[in-house]
N, C-alpha and C. Protein backbone atom coordinates (compact mmCIF):
# COMPACT_ATOMS: atom_id res chain seq x y z
N MET A 1 24.50 45.44 -13.09
CA MET A 1 23.60 45.63 -11.94
C MET A 1 24.29 45.18 -10.66
N LEU A 2 24.13 45.95 -9.61
CA LEU A 2 24.73 45.58 -8.35
C LEU A 2 24.02 44.38 -7.75
N LYS A 3 24.82 43.50 -7.12
CA LYS A 3 24.24 42.34 -6.45
C LYS A 3 23.79 42.77 -5.06
N LEU A 4 22.48 42.70 -4.82
CA LEU A 4 21.93 43.22 -3.59
C LEU A 4 21.98 42.22 -2.45
N PHE A 5 21.99 40.96 -2.78
CA PHE A 5 21.91 39.94 -1.74
C PHE A 5 23.13 39.02 -1.81
N GLY A 6 23.77 38.83 -0.66
CA GLY A 6 24.89 37.92 -0.57
C GLY A 6 24.50 36.69 0.24
N PRO A 7 25.47 35.85 0.56
CA PRO A 7 25.19 34.67 1.38
C PRO A 7 24.67 35.07 2.76
N GLU A 8 23.95 34.18 3.39
CA GLU A 8 23.46 34.44 4.74
C GLU A 8 24.62 34.57 5.72
N ILE A 9 24.55 35.55 6.60
CA ILE A 9 25.55 35.72 7.64
C ILE A 9 25.23 34.77 8.78
N VAL A 10 26.16 33.88 9.09
CA VAL A 10 25.97 32.91 10.17
C VAL A 10 27.07 33.11 11.20
N GLN A 11 26.95 32.42 12.33
CA GLN A 11 27.94 32.53 13.40
C GLN A 11 28.75 31.24 13.48
N PHE A 12 30.04 31.41 13.52
CA PHE A 12 30.96 30.28 13.62
C PHE A 12 30.84 29.61 14.98
N PHE A 13 30.78 28.27 14.98
CA PHE A 13 30.73 27.52 16.24
C PHE A 13 32.01 26.71 16.43
N SER A 14 32.34 25.86 15.46
CA SER A 14 33.57 25.09 15.55
C SER A 14 33.93 24.53 14.18
N MET A 15 35.20 24.08 14.06
CA MET A 15 35.65 23.47 12.82
C MET A 15 36.68 22.41 13.15
N SER A 16 36.57 21.27 12.47
CA SER A 16 37.55 20.19 12.64
C SER A 16 37.72 19.51 11.30
N GLY A 17 38.94 19.58 10.75
CA GLY A 17 39.17 18.97 9.45
C GLY A 17 38.30 19.64 8.40
N SER A 18 37.51 18.85 7.69
CA SER A 18 36.64 19.39 6.65
C SER A 18 35.21 19.63 7.13
N THR A 19 34.99 19.56 8.44
CA THR A 19 33.65 19.75 9.01
C THR A 19 33.54 21.10 9.68
N LEU A 20 32.55 21.89 9.26
CA LEU A 20 32.28 23.20 9.84
C LEU A 20 30.93 23.17 10.52
N ILE A 21 30.89 23.62 11.77
CA ILE A 21 29.63 23.73 12.50
C ILE A 21 29.35 25.21 12.73
N PHE A 22 28.14 25.64 12.37
CA PHE A 22 27.79 27.06 12.48
C PHE A 22 26.34 27.21 12.92
N TYR A 23 26.03 28.39 13.42
CA TYR A 23 24.69 28.69 13.92
C TYR A 23 23.99 29.61 12.93
N SER A 24 22.81 29.21 12.52
CA SER A 24 22.04 29.97 11.54
C SER A 24 20.68 30.35 12.12
N ALA A 25 20.22 31.54 11.77
CA ALA A 25 18.90 31.99 12.23
C ALA A 25 17.79 31.47 11.34
N LYS A 26 18.15 30.92 10.18
CA LYS A 26 17.15 30.50 9.20
C LYS A 26 17.13 28.99 9.04
N ALA A 27 15.95 28.47 8.80
CA ALA A 27 15.82 27.04 8.51
C ALA A 27 16.36 26.77 7.12
N LYS A 28 17.02 25.61 6.97
CA LYS A 28 17.58 25.22 5.68
C LYS A 28 17.17 23.79 5.37
N LYS A 29 17.33 23.41 4.11
CA LYS A 29 17.14 22.02 3.75
C LYS A 29 18.16 21.19 4.51
N SER A 30 17.80 19.95 4.84
CA SER A 30 18.69 19.10 5.62
C SER A 30 19.96 18.76 4.85
N GLU A 31 19.91 18.80 3.52
CA GLU A 31 21.10 18.51 2.73
C GLU A 31 21.13 19.44 1.52
N GLY A 32 22.32 19.71 1.00
CA GLY A 32 22.42 20.51 -0.20
C GLY A 32 23.62 21.43 -0.20
N GLU A 33 23.92 21.98 -1.37
CA GLU A 33 25.03 22.90 -1.54
C GLU A 33 24.58 24.32 -1.23
N LEU A 34 25.42 25.08 -0.52
CA LEU A 34 25.11 26.48 -0.24
C LEU A 34 26.39 27.22 0.11
N LYS A 35 26.27 28.51 0.27
CA LYS A 35 27.40 29.34 0.68
C LYS A 35 26.96 30.18 1.87
N VAL A 36 27.82 30.26 2.89
CA VAL A 36 27.50 31.05 4.08
C VAL A 36 28.60 32.10 4.27
N ARG A 37 28.25 33.15 4.98
CA ARG A 37 29.19 34.25 5.24
C ARG A 37 29.41 34.37 6.74
N ILE A 38 30.68 34.41 7.15
CA ILE A 38 31.03 34.55 8.56
C ILE A 38 31.78 35.87 8.73
N SER A 39 31.34 36.68 9.67
CA SER A 39 31.96 37.98 9.93
C SER A 39 33.28 37.80 10.68
N LEU A 40 34.25 38.67 10.35
CA LEU A 40 35.56 38.66 10.99
C LEU A 40 35.80 39.99 11.67
N VAL A 41 36.54 39.97 12.76
CA VAL A 41 36.88 41.21 13.48
C VAL A 41 38.40 41.31 13.61
N ASP A 42 38.90 42.56 13.55
CA ASP A 42 40.34 42.84 13.69
C ASP A 42 41.17 42.10 12.64
N TYR A 43 40.61 42.00 11.43
CA TYR A 43 41.33 41.37 10.33
C TYR A 43 41.27 42.30 9.13
N LYS A 44 42.09 42.05 8.12
CA LYS A 44 42.18 42.97 6.98
C LYS A 44 40.91 42.98 6.13
N VAL A 45 40.09 41.93 6.20
CA VAL A 45 38.76 41.94 5.59
C VAL A 45 37.75 41.63 6.68
N ASN A 46 36.48 42.01 6.45
CA ASN A 46 35.50 41.86 7.52
C ASN A 46 34.58 40.66 7.36
N ARG A 47 34.89 39.80 6.40
CA ARG A 47 34.04 38.62 6.23
C ARG A 47 34.75 37.59 5.37
N VAL A 48 34.26 36.35 5.45
CA VAL A 48 34.72 35.29 4.58
C VAL A 48 33.51 34.49 4.12
N ASP A 49 33.42 34.24 2.83
CA ASP A 49 32.32 33.46 2.26
C ASP A 49 32.79 32.02 2.04
N ILE A 50 32.00 31.06 2.52
CA ILE A 50 32.43 29.66 2.54
C ILE A 50 31.40 28.78 1.83
N PRO A 51 31.77 28.15 0.72
CA PRO A 51 30.88 27.17 0.08
C PRO A 51 30.98 25.83 0.80
N LEU A 52 29.85 25.15 0.95
CA LEU A 52 29.86 23.88 1.67
C LEU A 52 28.65 23.03 1.29
N SER A 53 28.69 21.79 1.71
CA SER A 53 27.55 20.88 1.57
C SER A 53 26.93 20.72 2.95
N LEU A 54 25.66 21.05 3.08
CA LEU A 54 24.99 20.95 4.37
C LEU A 54 24.65 19.49 4.66
N LEU A 55 25.15 18.99 5.79
CA LEU A 55 24.91 17.60 6.16
C LEU A 55 23.71 17.44 7.08
N SER A 56 23.57 18.36 8.04
CA SER A 56 22.46 18.23 9.00
C SER A 56 22.22 19.56 9.68
N ARG A 57 21.06 19.68 10.30
CA ARG A 57 20.74 20.87 11.10
C ARG A 57 19.88 20.44 12.27
N GLU A 58 20.02 21.15 13.37
CA GLU A 58 19.30 20.83 14.60
C GLU A 58 18.79 22.12 15.21
N ALA A 59 17.50 22.16 15.55
CA ALA A 59 16.93 23.35 16.18
C ALA A 59 17.57 23.57 17.54
N VAL A 60 18.13 24.75 17.75
CA VAL A 60 18.75 25.12 19.02
C VAL A 60 18.35 26.56 19.32
N GLY A 61 17.67 26.77 20.44
CA GLY A 61 17.20 28.10 20.77
C GLY A 61 16.25 28.61 19.70
N LYS A 62 16.51 29.81 19.18
CA LYS A 62 15.66 30.40 18.14
C LYS A 62 16.20 30.16 16.73
N GLY A 63 17.28 29.38 16.63
CA GLY A 63 17.88 29.12 15.32
C GLY A 63 18.22 27.66 15.13
N PHE A 64 19.30 27.42 14.38
CA PHE A 64 19.66 26.06 14.01
C PHE A 64 21.18 25.88 14.07
N LEU A 65 21.61 24.80 14.68
CA LEU A 65 23.00 24.43 14.67
C LEU A 65 23.21 23.51 13.47
N CYS A 66 24.05 23.94 12.54
CA CYS A 66 24.20 23.26 11.25
C CYS A 66 25.60 22.66 11.11
N VAL A 67 25.66 21.53 10.43
CA VAL A 67 26.91 20.85 10.16
C VAL A 67 27.13 20.83 8.65
N GLY A 68 28.27 21.37 8.21
CA GLY A 68 28.57 21.43 6.79
C GLY A 68 29.89 20.75 6.46
N LEU A 69 30.01 20.24 5.26
CA LEU A 69 31.21 19.58 4.78
C LEU A 69 31.89 20.46 3.74
N LEU A 70 33.18 20.74 3.94
CA LEU A 70 33.94 21.62 3.07
C LEU A 70 34.75 20.80 2.06
N ASP A 71 34.69 21.22 0.80
CA ASP A 71 35.45 20.55 -0.25
C ASP A 71 36.65 21.42 -0.60
N MET A 72 37.73 21.29 0.18
CA MET A 72 38.93 22.10 0.00
C MET A 72 40.17 21.23 0.16
N ALA A 73 41.27 21.69 -0.38
CA ALA A 73 42.55 21.03 -0.16
C ALA A 73 42.92 21.14 1.32
N GLU A 74 43.69 20.18 1.81
CA GLU A 74 44.04 20.15 3.23
C GLU A 74 44.72 21.44 3.68
N GLU A 75 45.58 21.99 2.84
CA GLU A 75 46.28 23.23 3.18
C GLU A 75 45.29 24.38 3.38
N HIS A 76 44.28 24.48 2.50
CA HIS A 76 43.28 25.54 2.62
C HIS A 76 42.38 25.32 3.83
N LEU A 77 42.12 24.06 4.17
CA LEU A 77 41.33 23.78 5.36
C LEU A 77 42.04 24.28 6.61
N ARG A 78 43.33 24.04 6.70
CA ARG A 78 44.09 24.50 7.86
C ARG A 78 44.11 26.03 7.93
N GLN A 79 44.26 26.68 6.77
CA GLN A 79 44.27 28.14 6.75
C GLN A 79 42.92 28.70 7.20
N LEU A 80 41.84 28.09 6.71
CA LEU A 80 40.50 28.56 7.10
C LEU A 80 40.26 28.33 8.59
N GLU A 81 40.67 27.18 9.09
CA GLU A 81 40.49 26.90 10.52
C GLU A 81 41.22 27.91 11.37
N ASP A 82 42.46 28.23 11.01
CA ASP A 82 43.23 29.23 11.76
C ASP A 82 42.54 30.60 11.70
N LEU A 83 42.04 30.96 10.53
CA LEU A 83 41.38 32.25 10.34
C LEU A 83 40.13 32.34 11.22
N LEU A 84 39.30 31.30 11.20
CA LEU A 84 38.03 31.34 11.93
C LEU A 84 38.25 31.36 13.44
N TYR A 85 39.15 30.54 13.93
CA TYR A 85 39.38 30.52 15.38
C TYR A 85 40.06 31.80 15.87
N SER A 86 40.76 32.48 14.98
CA SER A 86 41.46 33.70 15.37
C SER A 86 40.60 34.95 15.26
N TYR A 87 39.72 35.03 14.24
CA TYR A 87 39.05 36.30 13.93
C TYR A 87 37.53 36.22 13.77
N ALA A 88 36.95 35.04 13.71
CA ALA A 88 35.52 34.94 13.42
C ALA A 88 34.65 35.35 14.60
N VAL A 89 33.48 35.91 14.28
CA VAL A 89 32.45 36.16 15.29
C VAL A 89 31.82 34.81 15.61
N ARG A 90 31.93 34.39 16.88
CA ARG A 90 31.52 33.03 17.25
C ARG A 90 30.20 33.03 18.00
N ALA A 91 29.47 31.95 17.80
CA ALA A 91 28.22 31.74 18.53
C ALA A 91 28.52 31.18 19.90
N ASP A 92 27.95 31.79 20.92
CA ASP A 92 28.09 31.31 22.29
C ASP A 92 26.74 30.78 22.74
N LEU A 93 26.54 29.49 22.52
CA LEU A 93 25.22 28.89 22.80
C LEU A 93 25.16 28.21 24.15
N GLY A 94 26.29 28.09 24.83
CA GLY A 94 26.29 27.47 26.16
C GLY A 94 25.69 26.09 26.16
N GLU A 95 24.86 25.83 27.15
CA GLU A 95 24.25 24.51 27.30
C GLU A 95 23.33 24.18 26.14
N ALA A 96 22.81 25.18 25.47
CA ALA A 96 21.87 24.92 24.38
C ALA A 96 22.51 24.13 23.25
N ALA A 97 23.83 24.29 23.08
CA ALA A 97 24.51 23.58 21.99
C ALA A 97 24.76 22.13 22.32
N ARG A 98 24.65 21.77 23.57
CA ARG A 98 24.84 20.38 23.97
C ARG A 98 23.50 19.67 23.82
N ARG A 99 23.31 19.04 22.70
CA ARG A 99 22.00 18.51 22.35
C ARG A 99 21.54 17.40 23.28
N SER A 100 22.47 16.60 23.77
CA SER A 100 22.14 15.54 24.70
C SER A 100 23.40 15.13 25.45
N PRO A 101 23.26 14.71 26.71
CA PRO A 101 24.45 14.34 27.49
C PRO A 101 25.13 13.10 26.92
N ARG A 102 26.45 13.09 26.99
CA ARG A 102 27.22 11.94 26.52
C ARG A 102 27.51 11.01 27.69
N VAL A 103 27.41 9.73 27.45
CA VAL A 103 27.70 8.72 28.46
C VAL A 103 28.94 7.96 28.03
N THR A 104 29.96 7.97 28.87
CA THR A 104 31.19 7.25 28.55
C THR A 104 30.96 5.75 28.68
N THR A 105 31.22 5.02 27.62
CA THR A 105 31.05 3.56 27.66
C THR A 105 31.83 2.93 26.52
N GLY A 106 32.54 1.86 26.82
CA GLY A 106 33.36 1.19 25.81
C GLY A 106 32.67 -0.05 25.27
N LEU A 107 31.90 0.12 24.20
CA LEU A 107 31.19 -0.99 23.58
C LEU A 107 31.89 -1.40 22.29
N LYS A 108 31.89 -2.68 22.01
CA LYS A 108 32.40 -3.14 20.72
C LYS A 108 31.41 -2.73 19.64
N ALA A 109 31.91 -2.10 18.57
CA ALA A 109 31.08 -1.68 17.45
C ALA A 109 31.54 -2.41 16.20
N VAL A 110 30.61 -3.04 15.50
CA VAL A 110 30.92 -3.84 14.32
C VAL A 110 30.30 -3.19 13.10
N SER A 111 31.08 -3.06 12.01
CA SER A 111 30.57 -2.47 10.78
C SER A 111 31.45 -2.91 9.61
N ARG A 112 30.83 -3.17 8.47
CA ARG A 112 31.57 -3.51 7.27
C ARG A 112 32.30 -2.31 6.69
N GLU A 113 31.88 -1.11 7.08
CA GLU A 113 32.44 0.10 6.49
C GLU A 113 33.71 0.58 7.15
N ILE A 114 34.16 -0.06 8.25
CA ILE A 114 35.33 0.42 8.97
C ILE A 114 36.48 -0.59 8.86
N SER A 115 37.69 -0.09 8.99
CA SER A 115 38.88 -0.92 8.90
C SER A 115 38.89 -1.97 10.01
N GLY A 116 39.11 -3.23 9.63
CA GLY A 116 39.12 -4.30 10.61
C GLY A 116 37.74 -4.76 11.02
N TYR A 117 36.71 -4.08 10.50
CA TYR A 117 35.31 -4.43 10.73
C TYR A 117 34.82 -4.21 12.16
N ASN A 118 35.67 -3.73 13.06
CA ASN A 118 35.19 -3.44 14.41
C ASN A 118 36.02 -2.35 15.04
N CYS A 119 35.44 -1.69 16.03
CA CYS A 119 36.11 -0.63 16.79
C CYS A 119 35.45 -0.58 18.16
N VAL A 120 35.75 0.46 18.94
CA VAL A 120 35.22 0.58 20.29
C VAL A 120 34.63 1.97 20.47
N THR A 121 33.49 2.05 21.14
CA THR A 121 32.91 3.37 21.42
C THR A 121 33.67 4.04 22.56
N ILE A 122 33.73 5.37 22.48
CA ILE A 122 34.29 6.18 23.57
C ILE A 122 33.15 6.73 24.42
N ASP A 123 32.14 7.27 23.75
CA ASP A 123 30.93 7.69 24.45
C ASP A 123 29.76 7.61 23.49
N ILE A 124 28.56 7.71 24.05
CA ILE A 124 27.34 7.57 23.26
C ILE A 124 26.29 8.52 23.81
N SER A 125 25.43 9.04 22.93
CA SER A 125 24.34 9.92 23.35
C SER A 125 23.13 9.61 22.48
N SER A 126 22.05 10.34 22.70
CA SER A 126 20.86 10.13 21.89
C SER A 126 20.97 10.76 20.52
N HIS A 127 22.08 11.47 20.25
CA HIS A 127 22.27 12.09 18.93
C HIS A 127 23.45 11.54 18.15
N GLY A 128 24.34 10.79 18.82
CA GLY A 128 25.48 10.27 18.10
C GLY A 128 26.38 9.43 18.97
N VAL A 129 27.50 9.01 18.39
CA VAL A 129 28.44 8.15 19.09
C VAL A 129 29.86 8.54 18.68
N LEU A 130 30.79 8.48 19.64
CA LEU A 130 32.20 8.75 19.37
C LEU A 130 32.93 7.42 19.40
N LEU A 131 33.68 7.13 18.31
CA LEU A 131 34.33 5.84 18.15
C LEU A 131 35.84 5.98 18.20
N ASN A 132 36.50 4.91 18.61
CA ASN A 132 37.94 4.79 18.49
C ASN A 132 38.22 3.70 17.46
N CYS A 133 38.69 4.08 16.27
CA CYS A 133 38.83 3.15 15.15
C CYS A 133 40.29 2.94 14.79
N HIS A 134 40.58 1.80 14.14
CA HIS A 134 41.93 1.49 13.69
C HIS A 134 42.31 2.34 12.48
N GLY A 135 41.37 2.57 11.56
CA GLY A 135 41.64 3.31 10.34
C GLY A 135 40.81 4.58 10.26
N SER A 136 41.16 5.44 9.33
CA SER A 136 40.45 6.70 9.17
C SER A 136 39.17 6.51 8.34
N LEU A 137 38.26 7.45 8.51
CA LEU A 137 36.99 7.47 7.77
C LEU A 137 36.78 8.87 7.22
N GLU A 138 36.07 8.97 6.11
CA GLU A 138 35.84 10.25 5.46
C GLU A 138 34.62 10.96 6.05
N PRO A 139 34.73 12.25 6.40
CA PRO A 139 33.54 13.00 6.82
C PRO A 139 32.46 12.92 5.75
N GLY A 140 31.23 12.69 6.18
CA GLY A 140 30.12 12.52 5.26
C GLY A 140 29.81 11.07 4.96
N GLN A 141 30.73 10.16 5.27
CA GLN A 141 30.52 8.74 5.01
C GLN A 141 29.41 8.19 5.91
N ILE A 142 28.58 7.31 5.36
CA ILE A 142 27.49 6.70 6.11
C ILE A 142 27.97 5.37 6.69
N LEU A 143 27.66 5.15 7.97
CA LEU A 143 28.04 3.92 8.65
C LEU A 143 26.80 3.21 9.18
N ASN A 144 26.80 1.90 9.06
CA ASN A 144 25.82 1.05 9.73
C ASN A 144 26.57 0.28 10.81
N LEU A 145 26.21 0.50 12.06
CA LEU A 145 26.95 -0.06 13.18
C LEU A 145 26.06 -0.98 14.01
N THR A 146 26.66 -2.05 14.51
CA THR A 146 26.03 -2.89 15.52
C THR A 146 26.84 -2.77 16.80
N LEU A 147 26.24 -2.25 17.85
CA LEU A 147 26.91 -2.05 19.12
C LEU A 147 26.58 -3.21 20.04
N GLU A 148 27.60 -3.86 20.59
CA GLU A 148 27.41 -4.98 21.49
C GLU A 148 27.46 -4.48 22.93
N THR A 149 26.35 -4.59 23.65
CA THR A 149 26.26 -4.08 25.01
C THR A 149 26.51 -5.22 26.01
N ASP A 150 26.53 -4.85 27.29
CA ASP A 150 26.69 -5.85 28.35
C ASP A 150 25.40 -6.01 29.15
N MET A 151 24.27 -5.70 28.51
CA MET A 151 22.98 -5.78 29.17
C MET A 151 22.14 -6.90 28.59
N ALA A 152 21.59 -7.75 29.46
CA ALA A 152 20.77 -8.86 29.00
C ALA A 152 19.53 -8.38 28.27
N SER A 153 18.98 -7.24 28.70
CA SER A 153 17.76 -6.72 28.09
C SER A 153 18.01 -6.14 26.71
N THR A 154 19.24 -5.66 26.45
CA THR A 154 19.58 -5.05 25.16
C THR A 154 20.97 -5.54 24.74
N PRO A 155 21.07 -6.77 24.23
CA PRO A 155 22.40 -7.32 23.89
C PRO A 155 23.10 -6.59 22.74
N THR A 156 22.33 -6.07 21.79
CA THR A 156 22.92 -5.33 20.67
C THR A 156 22.04 -4.13 20.32
N LEU A 157 22.69 -3.11 19.76
CA LEU A 157 21.99 -1.93 19.26
C LEU A 157 22.40 -1.73 17.81
N SER A 158 21.43 -1.49 16.95
CA SER A 158 21.70 -1.22 15.54
C SER A 158 21.51 0.27 15.29
N VAL A 159 22.57 0.95 14.81
CA VAL A 159 22.48 2.39 14.56
C VAL A 159 23.04 2.70 13.18
N ARG A 160 22.58 3.82 12.62
CA ARG A 160 23.03 4.30 11.33
C ARG A 160 23.40 5.77 11.49
N GLY A 161 24.53 6.17 10.95
CA GLY A 161 24.94 7.55 11.14
C GLY A 161 25.90 8.04 10.07
N ARG A 162 26.19 9.33 10.15
CA ARG A 162 27.09 9.98 9.20
C ARG A 162 28.33 10.48 9.93
N VAL A 163 29.50 10.22 9.38
CA VAL A 163 30.75 10.66 9.99
C VAL A 163 30.84 12.19 9.93
N LEU A 164 31.03 12.81 11.10
CA LEU A 164 31.20 14.26 11.16
C LEU A 164 32.67 14.64 11.13
N THR A 165 33.46 14.03 11.99
CA THR A 165 34.89 14.32 12.06
C THR A 165 35.68 13.04 12.25
N CYS A 166 36.95 13.08 11.84
CA CYS A 166 37.87 11.97 12.04
C CYS A 166 39.23 12.56 12.38
N ARG A 167 39.72 12.28 13.60
CA ARG A 167 40.98 12.85 14.05
C ARG A 167 41.92 11.73 14.49
N GLU A 168 43.20 11.93 14.24
CA GLU A 168 44.19 10.97 14.72
C GLU A 168 44.24 11.01 16.24
N ASN A 169 44.33 9.82 16.84
CA ASN A 169 44.47 9.70 18.29
C ASN A 169 45.89 9.21 18.56
N GLY A 170 46.78 10.13 18.90
CA GLY A 170 48.19 9.80 19.03
C GLY A 170 48.51 8.81 20.12
N ARG A 171 47.63 8.70 21.12
CA ARG A 171 47.92 7.84 22.25
C ARG A 171 47.90 6.36 21.89
N ASN A 172 47.02 5.98 20.95
CA ASN A 172 46.94 4.55 20.60
C ASN A 172 47.03 4.33 19.09
N ARG A 173 47.51 5.33 18.36
CA ARG A 173 47.72 5.24 16.92
C ARG A 173 46.43 4.91 16.16
N GLY A 174 45.32 5.29 16.72
CA GLY A 174 44.04 5.09 16.04
C GLY A 174 43.43 6.41 15.65
N TYR A 175 42.11 6.40 15.46
CA TYR A 175 41.38 7.59 15.03
C TYR A 175 40.11 7.74 15.87
N GLN A 176 39.86 8.96 16.31
CA GLN A 176 38.59 9.27 16.97
C GLN A 176 37.61 9.73 15.90
N VAL A 177 36.50 9.03 15.80
CA VAL A 177 35.52 9.30 14.75
C VAL A 177 34.19 9.67 15.40
N ALA A 178 33.72 10.90 15.12
CA ALA A 178 32.43 11.36 15.63
C ALA A 178 31.36 11.06 14.60
N VAL A 179 30.31 10.37 15.03
CA VAL A 179 29.23 9.96 14.14
C VAL A 179 27.92 10.54 14.64
N ASP A 180 27.21 11.22 13.75
CA ASP A 180 25.89 11.79 14.06
C ASP A 180 24.84 10.86 13.46
N TYR A 181 23.85 10.46 14.26
CA TYR A 181 22.83 9.56 13.74
C TYR A 181 22.12 10.17 12.54
N ALA A 182 21.86 9.36 11.54
CA ALA A 182 21.17 9.82 10.33
C ALA A 182 20.43 8.64 9.73
N GLY A 183 19.19 8.87 9.30
CA GLY A 183 18.42 7.82 8.66
C GLY A 183 18.02 6.71 9.61
N MET A 184 17.91 7.03 10.89
CA MET A 184 17.54 6.02 11.89
C MET A 184 16.04 5.75 11.85
N SER A 185 15.65 4.50 12.02
CA SER A 185 14.24 4.15 12.12
C SER A 185 13.73 4.52 13.51
N THR A 186 12.41 4.57 13.66
CA THR A 186 11.82 4.85 14.98
C THR A 186 12.25 3.80 15.98
N GLU A 187 12.31 2.54 15.56
CA GLU A 187 12.70 1.46 16.45
C GLU A 187 14.15 1.61 16.92
N GLN A 188 15.03 2.02 16.01
CA GLN A 188 16.43 2.20 16.37
C GLN A 188 16.58 3.35 17.37
N THR A 189 15.87 4.45 17.11
CA THR A 189 15.94 5.61 18.01
C THR A 189 15.42 5.25 19.40
N GLU A 190 14.29 4.55 19.46
CA GLU A 190 13.72 4.15 20.75
C GLU A 190 14.64 3.21 21.50
N ALA A 191 15.32 2.32 20.78
CA ALA A 191 16.25 1.39 21.43
C ALA A 191 17.42 2.13 22.07
N ILE A 192 17.95 3.15 21.36
CA ILE A 192 19.04 3.95 21.92
C ILE A 192 18.57 4.68 23.17
N GLU A 193 17.40 5.30 23.11
CA GLU A 193 16.87 6.04 24.25
C GLU A 193 16.67 5.11 25.45
N GLN A 194 16.14 3.91 25.21
CA GLN A 194 15.92 2.95 26.29
C GLN A 194 17.25 2.51 26.90
N TYR A 195 18.24 2.29 26.05
CA TYR A 195 19.55 1.89 26.53
C TYR A 195 20.17 2.98 27.41
N LEU A 196 20.05 4.24 26.99
CA LEU A 196 20.60 5.34 27.78
C LEU A 196 19.87 5.48 29.12
N ARG A 197 18.55 5.27 29.11
CA ARG A 197 17.80 5.32 30.37
C ARG A 197 18.26 4.19 31.31
N THR A 198 18.51 3.03 30.74
CA THR A 198 18.98 1.90 31.54
C THR A 198 20.35 2.18 32.13
N LEU A 199 21.23 2.79 31.32
CA LEU A 199 22.55 3.17 31.82
C LEU A 199 22.44 4.14 32.99
N ALA A 200 21.52 5.11 32.86
CA ALA A 200 21.33 6.09 33.93
C ALA A 200 20.83 5.41 35.20
N GLY A 201 19.89 4.48 35.04
CA GLY A 201 19.38 3.75 36.19
C GLY A 201 20.45 2.89 36.83
N ARG A 202 21.29 2.29 36.00
CA ARG A 202 22.38 1.46 36.51
C ARG A 202 23.35 2.29 37.34
N ALA A 203 23.65 3.50 36.87
CA ALA A 203 24.61 4.35 37.56
C ALA A 203 24.08 4.82 38.91
N GLN A 204 22.76 4.97 39.04
CA GLN A 204 22.17 5.54 40.25
C GLN A 204 21.74 4.48 41.26
N GLY A 205 21.40 3.26 40.80
CA GLY A 205 20.83 2.26 41.69
C GLY A 205 21.86 1.42 42.40
N ASN A 206 21.36 0.58 43.35
CA ASN A 206 22.24 -0.38 44.00
C ASN A 206 22.39 -1.61 43.12
N LEU A 207 23.10 -2.63 43.59
CA LEU A 207 23.39 -3.80 42.77
C LEU A 207 22.12 -4.49 42.29
N MET A 208 21.17 -4.74 43.20
CA MET A 208 19.94 -5.42 42.80
C MET A 208 19.16 -4.59 41.81
N GLN A 209 19.07 -3.29 42.03
CA GLN A 209 18.36 -2.41 41.12
C GLN A 209 19.01 -2.41 39.74
N ARG A 210 20.36 -2.44 39.70
CA ARG A 210 21.06 -2.48 38.42
C ARG A 210 20.78 -3.78 37.68
N GLN A 211 20.73 -4.89 38.42
CA GLN A 211 20.45 -6.17 37.79
C GLN A 211 19.04 -6.21 37.21
N ILE A 212 18.08 -5.62 37.94
CA ILE A 212 16.71 -5.55 37.44
C ILE A 212 16.65 -4.67 36.20
N ALA A 213 17.33 -3.52 36.24
CA ALA A 213 17.34 -2.62 35.09
C ALA A 213 17.95 -3.27 33.87
N ASP A 214 18.98 -4.10 34.08
CA ASP A 214 19.68 -4.76 32.99
C ASP A 214 18.93 -5.97 32.44
N GLY A 215 17.87 -6.40 33.16
CA GLY A 215 17.15 -7.58 32.71
C GLY A 215 17.74 -8.87 33.23
N GLU A 216 18.72 -8.78 34.16
CA GLU A 216 19.33 -9.97 34.69
C GLU A 216 18.48 -10.60 35.81
N VAL A 217 17.64 -9.80 36.44
CA VAL A 217 16.74 -10.29 37.48
C VAL A 217 15.33 -9.90 37.08
N THR A 218 14.44 -10.87 36.98
CA THR A 218 13.07 -10.58 36.56
C THR A 218 12.08 -10.72 37.70
N ALA A 219 12.45 -11.36 38.81
CA ALA A 219 11.53 -11.53 39.93
C ALA A 219 12.34 -11.66 41.21
N LEU A 220 11.78 -11.23 42.28
CA LEU A 220 12.42 -11.30 43.59
C LEU A 220 11.72 -12.34 44.41
N GLU A 221 12.50 -13.23 45.07
CA GLU A 221 11.93 -14.25 45.93
C GLU A 221 11.92 -13.75 47.37
N GLU A 222 10.92 -14.21 48.12
CA GLU A 222 10.85 -13.85 49.54
C GLU A 222 12.00 -14.51 50.30
């Protein structure tokens, strides 16, 4: 009997190492094994079917931006990455794909799961954090991080997330690690949002306003 249904056709967004990001028109379970099909143009075949483990999905526009983990040898990962960037039909989501603005800030991050038990943030957003670490981390790995801030009102932030990508940073012999928040409590999410609002206020206000926003000044004297 002929097979009438194949994998869902999705649009390629980006790939780094063993992490594939794609745009899907259909809702999927937040985690699980599946196979997706990406169309190719000007190549000897017109599609490639990719098995992966779905790590997360985020509603974007009328569909979903999905993050998947590929279980392939490093050589095959490089071949697939070259193929997709050269021939795949790509999703052009523009600003819609930017889930939240990133704020550049160098905070000390402490975790038992990372080499040396500490690293430094490169930037932070309401959806994740980019780290500069001494050692490499595996995509899909769960991290529990304590971020040490310079604000009296929020001295530390506790976050939990999943490693999306890990790339060598040749400039300082470390690794850039992208972490997407996962399994966060309501309190943790609210704390991150409040911290980002405070950062925004600090950037826009004068010195006294920044001190008030940071919790360093609680009352003004005549």
